[in-house]
Amino acid sequence: MAIVTLIIKIMPDSPSTDLHAIQSHARQLLEKEGAKNLSFEEKPIAFGLKAVMVKFDLPEEKGTETAENKLGTIPHVSSVTIEDYRRAFG
């Protein structure tokens, strides 16, 4: 069974959005899907807007659509984009 490492960019809908709330919600959703080794980083975009970059490992059979769809349901998130996808065997 293969494991994939994903980096996903979560864009909030405004510069005043609480990024810690987004991170907390994302952690809960991803852990329910079997994600491991979660880490978060805030990346400045422009004019005070910051994206949340989340990196995690996920069993390959879960698929990337699962993670994208779950993260897209978080309140105050305008978009979810896969930035990096790497496959490892475990």
C-alpha atoms as a PDB file:
ATOM      1  CA  MET A   1       0.000   0.000   0.000  1.00  0.00           C
ATOM      2  CA  ALA A   2       1.381   3.386  -0.988  1.00  0.00           C
ATOM      3  CA  ILE A   3       1.388   6.562   1.044  1.00  0.00           C
ATOM      4  CA  VAL A   4       1.243  10.012  -0.544  1.00  0.00           C
ATOM      5  CA  THR A   5       2.497  13.268   0.880  1.00  0.00           C
ATOM      6  CA  LEU A   6       0.365  16.254  -0.038  1.00  0.00           C
ATOM      7  CA  ILE A   7       0.846  19.974   0.327  1.00  0.00           C
ATOM      8  CA  ILE A   8      -2.448  21.813  -0.016  1.00  0.00           C
ATOM      9  CA  LYS A   9      -2.984  25.575  -0.114  1.00  0.00           C
ATOM     10  CA  ILE A  10      -6.130  26.755   1.666  1.00  0.00           C
ATOM     11  CA  MET A  11      -7.126  30.307   0.736  1.00  0.00           C
ATOM     12  CA  PRO A  12      -9.336  32.226   3.199  1.00  0.00           C
ATOM     13  CA  ASP A  13     -12.079  34.488   1.889  1.00  0.00           C
ATOM     14  CA  SER A  14     -10.646  37.631   3.553  1.00  0.00           C
ATOM     15  CA  PRO A  15      -7.488  38.934   5.267  1.00  0.00           C
ATOM     16  CA  SER A  16      -9.411  39.139   8.556  1.00  0.00           C
ATOM     17  CA  THR A  17     -10.343  35.423   8.577  1.00  0.00           C
ATOM     18  CA  ASP A  18      -9.141  33.522  11.659  1.00  0.00           C
ATOM     19  CA  LEU A  19      -6.450  31.234  10.245  1.00  0.00           C
ATOM     20  CA  HIS A  20      -6.104  29.306  13.505  1.00  0.00           C
ATOM     21  CA  ALA A  21      -9.776  28.304  13.286  1.00  0.00           C
ATOM     22  CA  ILE A  22      -9.197  27.082   9.704  1.00  0.00           C
ATOM     23  CA  GLN A  23      -6.149  25.092  10.835  1.00  0.00           C
ATOM     24  CA  SER A  24      -8.029  23.515  13.724  1.00  0.00           C
ATOM     25  CA  HIS A  25     -10.973  22.546  11.524  1.00  0.00           C
ATOM     26  CA  ALA A  26      -8.623  21.195   8.812  1.00  0.00           C
ATOM     27  CA  ARG A  27      -6.761  19.072  11.381  1.00  0.00           C
ATOM     28  CA  GLN A  28     -10.015  17.502  12.607  1.00  0.00           C
ATOM     29  CA  LEU A  29     -11.275  16.745   9.095  1.00  0.00           C
ATOM     30  CA  LEU A  30      -7.995  15.315   7.825  1.00  0.00           C
ATOM     31  CA  GLU A  31      -7.347  13.152  10.885  1.00  0.00           C
ATOM     32  CA  LYS A  32     -10.807  11.589  10.415  1.00  0.00           C
ATOM     33  CA  GLU A  33      -9.704  10.625   6.886  1.00  0.00           C
ATOM     34  CA  GLY A  34      -6.533   8.939   8.177  1.00  0.00           C
ATOM     35  CA  ALA A  35      -4.029  11.749   7.581  1.00  0.00           C
ATOM     36  CA  LYS A  36      -0.748  11.570   9.520  1.00  0.00           C
ATOM     37  CA  ASN A  37       2.148  13.965  10.187  1.00  0.00           C
ATOM     38  CA  LEU A  38       0.097  17.128   9.737  1.00  0.00           C
ATOM     39  CA  SER A  39       1.931  20.449   9.712  1.00  0.00           C
ATOM     40  CA  PHE A  40       0.677  23.952   8.985  1.00  0.00           C
ATOM     41  CA  GLU A  41       2.368  27.094   7.703  1.00  0.00           C
ATOM     42  CA  GLU A  42       0.976  30.550   6.963  1.00  0.00           C
ATOM     43  CA  LYS A  43       2.183  31.928   3.630  1.00  0.00           C
ATOM     44  CA  PRO A  44       1.806  35.650   2.830  1.00  0.00           C
ATOM     45  CA  ILE A  45       0.050  36.216  -0.504  1.00  0.00           C
ATOM     46  CA  ALA A  46      -0.678  39.964  -0.934  1.00  0.00           C
ATOM     47  CA  PHE A  47      -2.224  42.954   0.829  1.00  0.00           C
ATOM     48  CA  GLY A  48      -2.385  41.213   4.219  1.00  0.00           C
ATOM     49  CA  LEU A  49      -3.941  38.027   2.842  1.00  0.00           C
ATOM     50  CA  LYS A  50      -2.276  34.807   4.001  1.00  0.00           C
ATOM     51  CA  ALA A  51      -2.823  31.255   2.816  1.00  0.00           C
ATOM     52  CA  VAL A  52      -2.675  28.205   5.056  1.00  0.00           C
ATOM     53  CA  MET A  53      -0.305  25.585   3.697  1.00  0.00           C
ATOM     54  CA  VAL A  54      -1.026  22.126   5.120  1.00  0.00           C
ATOM     55  CA  LYS A  55       1.342  19.199   4.618  1.00  0.00           C
ATOM     56  CA  PHE A  56       0.337  15.637   5.498  1.00  0.00           C
ATOM     57  CA  ASP A  57       0.609  11.957   4.627  1.00  0.00           C
ATOM     58  CA  LEU A  58      -2.439  10.045   3.420  1.00  0.00           C
ATOM     59  CA  PRO A  59      -3.054   6.479   2.191  1.00  0.00           C
ATOM     60  CA  GLU A  60      -3.102   6.656  -1.609  1.00  0.00           C
ATOM     61  CA  GLU A  61      -6.435   4.840  -1.947  1.00  0.00           C
ATOM     62  CA  LYS A  62      -8.182   7.764  -0.196  1.00  0.00           C
ATOM     63  CA  GLY A  63      -7.484   9.945  -3.242  1.00  0.00           C
ATOM     64  CA  THR A  64      -6.846  13.665  -3.367  1.00  0.00           C
ATOM     65  CA  GLU A  65     -10.502  14.500  -4.052  1.00  0.00           C
ATOM     66  CA  THR A  66     -11.419  13.401  -0.529  1.00  0.00           C
ATOM     67  CA  ALA A  67      -9.008  15.875   1.059  1.00  0.00           C
ATOM     68  CA  GLU A  68      -9.935  18.701  -1.332  1.00  0.00           C
ATOM     69  CA  ASN A  69     -13.676  18.249  -0.848  1.00  0.00           C
ATOM     70  CA  LYS A  70     -13.437  18.029   2.951  1.00  0.00           C
ATOM     71  CA  LEU A  71     -11.215  21.113   3.230  1.00  0.00           C
ATOM     72  CA  GLY A  72     -13.506  23.045   0.882  1.00  0.00           C
ATOM     73  CA  THR A  73     -16.346  22.716   3.399  1.00  0.00           C
ATOM     74  CA  ILE A  74     -14.519  24.745   6.074  1.00  0.00           C
ATOM     75  CA  PRO A  75     -16.262  28.087   6.751  1.00  0.00           C
ATOM     76  CA  HIS A  76     -14.513  31.177   5.304  1.00  0.00           C
ATOM     77  CA  VAL A  77     -12.413  29.166   2.814  1.00  0.00           C
ATOM     78  CA  SER A  78     -12.561  30.476  -0.734  1.00  0.00           C
ATOM     79  CA  SER A  79     -10.403  27.830  -2.465  1.00  0.00           C
ATOM     80  CA  VAL A  80      -8.368  24.670  -1.916  1.00  0.00           C
ATOM     81  CA  THR A  81      -5.494  23.805  -4.260  1.00  0.00           C
ATOM     82  CA  ILE A  82      -3.052  20.903  -4.334  1.00  0.00           C
ATOM     83  CA  GLU A  83       0.431  22.415  -4.490  1.00  0.00           C
ATOM     84  CA  ASP A  84       2.499  19.205  -4.312  1.00  0.00           C
ATOM     85  CA  TYR A  85       1.828  15.451  -4.528  1.00  0.00           C
ATOM     86  CA  ARG A  86       4.531  12.896  -3.815  1.00  0.00           C
ATOM     87  CA  ARG A  87       4.168   9.148  -3.686  1.00  0.00           C
ATOM     88  CA  ALA A  88       6.072   6.889  -1.278  1.00  0.00           C
ATOM     89  CA  PHE A  89       5.753   3.188  -0.600  1.00  0.00           C
ATOM     90  CA  GLY A  90       5.251   2.049   2.957  1.00  0.00           C
END
